[in-house]
Protein backbone atom coordinates (compact mmCIF):
# COMPACT_ATOMS: atom_id res chain seq x y z
CA MET A 1 -14.98 179.61 134.52
CA LEU A 2 -14.93 182.04 136.95
CA ALA A 3 -12.63 180.15 139.34
CA SER A 4 -10.13 180.83 136.93
CA PHE A 5 -9.78 184.45 137.47
CA PRO A 6 -7.61 185.65 139.89
CA PRO A 7 -9.33 187.31 143.10
CA ALA A 8 -8.27 190.79 142.69
CA GLN A 9 -9.96 190.42 139.11
CA LEU A 10 -13.24 189.13 140.47
CA GLY A 11 -13.43 191.83 143.10
CA TRP A 12 -13.03 194.51 139.90
CA MET A 13 -15.63 192.61 138.38
CA ALA A 14 -17.85 192.95 141.11
CA LEU A 15 -17.02 196.62 142.36
CA SER A 16 -16.98 198.01 138.87
CA PRO A 17 -21.01 198.30 138.26
CA ALA A 18 -21.47 199.84 141.45
CA ALA A 19 -18.53 202.29 141.09
CA CYS A 20 -20.15 203.25 137.52
CA GLY A 21 -23.67 203.80 139.23
CA SER A 22 -22.19 205.63 141.85
CA LEU A 23 -20.17 208.08 139.31
CA ILE A 24 -23.09 208.89 136.75
CA THR A 25 -25.15 209.21 140.53
CA GLY A 26 -22.70 211.89 141.47
CA ALA A 27 -22.89 213.37 137.97
CA VAL A 28 -26.41 213.63 137.75
CA LEU A 29 -26.53 215.43 141.14
CA LEU A 30 -23.85 217.78 140.51
CA LEU A 31 -25.39 218.92 137.55
CA ARG A 32 -28.70 219.55 139.12
CA ARG A 33 -27.43 221.34 141.62
CA LEU A 34 -25.70 224.06 138.97
CA ASP A 35 -27.03 227.44 137.71
CA MET A 36 -26.69 227.04 134.19
CA THR A 37 -26.63 229.93 131.66
CA PRO A 38 -29.13 229.63 128.80
CA ARG A 39 -26.38 228.99 126.43
CA ALA A 40 -24.83 226.24 128.47
CA PHE A 41 -28.07 224.53 128.94
CA ARG A 42 -28.39 224.97 125.24
CA PHE A 43 -25.28 223.34 124.67
CA ALA A 44 -25.75 220.68 127.06
CA THR A 45 -29.21 219.54 125.49
CA ILE A 46 -27.68 219.46 121.97
CA LEU A 47 -24.70 217.81 123.22
CA GLY A 48 -27.32 215.28 125.07
CA GLN A 49 -29.26 214.47 121.97
CA THR A 50 -26.18 214.22 120.08
CA ALA A 51 -25.14 211.89 122.48
CA TRP A 52 -28.39 209.89 122.44
CA ALA A 53 -28.52 209.65 118.45
CA ALA A 54 -25.15 208.20 118.68
CA MET A 55 -26.24 205.36 121.47
CA ALA A 56 -28.98 204.75 119.02
CA ALA A 57 -26.81 204.21 116.22
CA PHE A 58 -24.80 201.88 117.85
CA LEU A 59 -27.72 199.56 119.40
CA ALA A 60 -29.21 199.44 115.74
CA GLY A 61 -25.85 197.92 114.67
CA ALA A 62 -25.38 195.61 117.33
CA THR A 63 -28.89 194.89 117.58
CA TRP A 64 -28.28 193.80 113.78
CA TRP A 65 -25.01 192.07 114.32
CA LEU A 66 -26.74 190.01 117.08
CA PHE A 67 -29.09 188.68 114.44
CA SER A 68 -26.78 187.97 112.06
CA ALA A 69 -24.30 186.43 113.88
CA GLY A 70 -25.24 182.88 113.14
CA VAL A 71 -25.92 183.55 109.63
CA GLY A 72 -22.54 183.72 107.25
CA THR A 73 -19.52 181.58 107.07
CA GLY A 74 -19.24 179.87 110.58
CA ALA A 75 -19.34 182.05 113.89
CA LEU A 76 -16.07 183.78 114.13
CA PHE A 77 -17.88 186.00 116.86
CA HIS A 78 -20.41 184.22 118.35
CA ALA A 79 -22.90 186.07 120.51
CA GLY A 80 -23.13 184.72 123.93
CA ALA A 81 -24.98 186.13 127.46
CA ILE A 82 -22.75 188.39 128.32
CA VAL A 83 -23.16 189.91 125.01
CA LYS A 84 -27.21 189.51 124.93
CA ALA A 85 -26.57 191.26 128.54
CA GLY A 86 -24.72 194.20 127.50
CA LEU A 87 -27.04 194.82 124.68
CA ALA A 88 -30.39 194.59 127.13
CA ALA A 89 -27.88 197.23 129.36
CA LEU A 90 -27.14 199.49 125.96
CA ALA A 91 -30.73 199.66 125.45
CA ILE A 92 -32.12 200.40 128.64
CA ALA A 93 -29.11 203.24 128.51
CA VAL A 94 -30.28 204.66 125.40
CA ALA A 95 -34.15 204.70 126.61
CA GLY A 96 -32.48 207.10 129.56
CA GLY A 97 -30.81 208.82 127.30
CA ALA A 98 -34.08 209.57 125.15
CA THR A 99 -36.09 210.45 127.99
CA ALA A 100 -33.33 213.01 129.20
CA ALA A 101 -33.23 215.00 126.06
CA ARG A 102 -36.84 214.84 125.97
CA ARG A 103 -37.12 216.30 129.36
CA ALA A 104 -34.48 218.58 128.68
CA MET A 105 -36.25 220.33 125.56
CA LEU A 106 -38.69 220.38 127.74
CA ALA A 107 -37.63 222.25 130.20
CA ALA A 108 -35.63 224.39 127.35
CA ARG A 109 -39.10 225.55 126.16
CA LEU A 110 -40.14 227.01 129.84
């Protein structure tokens, strides 16, 4: 099935996860080096908690859709292996977001 894609698109599929990982790593390193004011740190903490809550809500909806995909009038949107892998990646991201939000709250108290 992948053989039907053009080589440029296959290359992009192979490189895009590495590019996303590099972007995230660079952003984390940049944010760790910044000296934030207490007000900016509080804003970033609230923003992180809000993002974590939104990701958790999206994960709950995606999980509900995944487990109810076979119910009803035919499987119009069949959940395949790629969807399940994406859901697993989202679950890992939600766990990471929860950890980051918890660590930020602990750092704010110090």
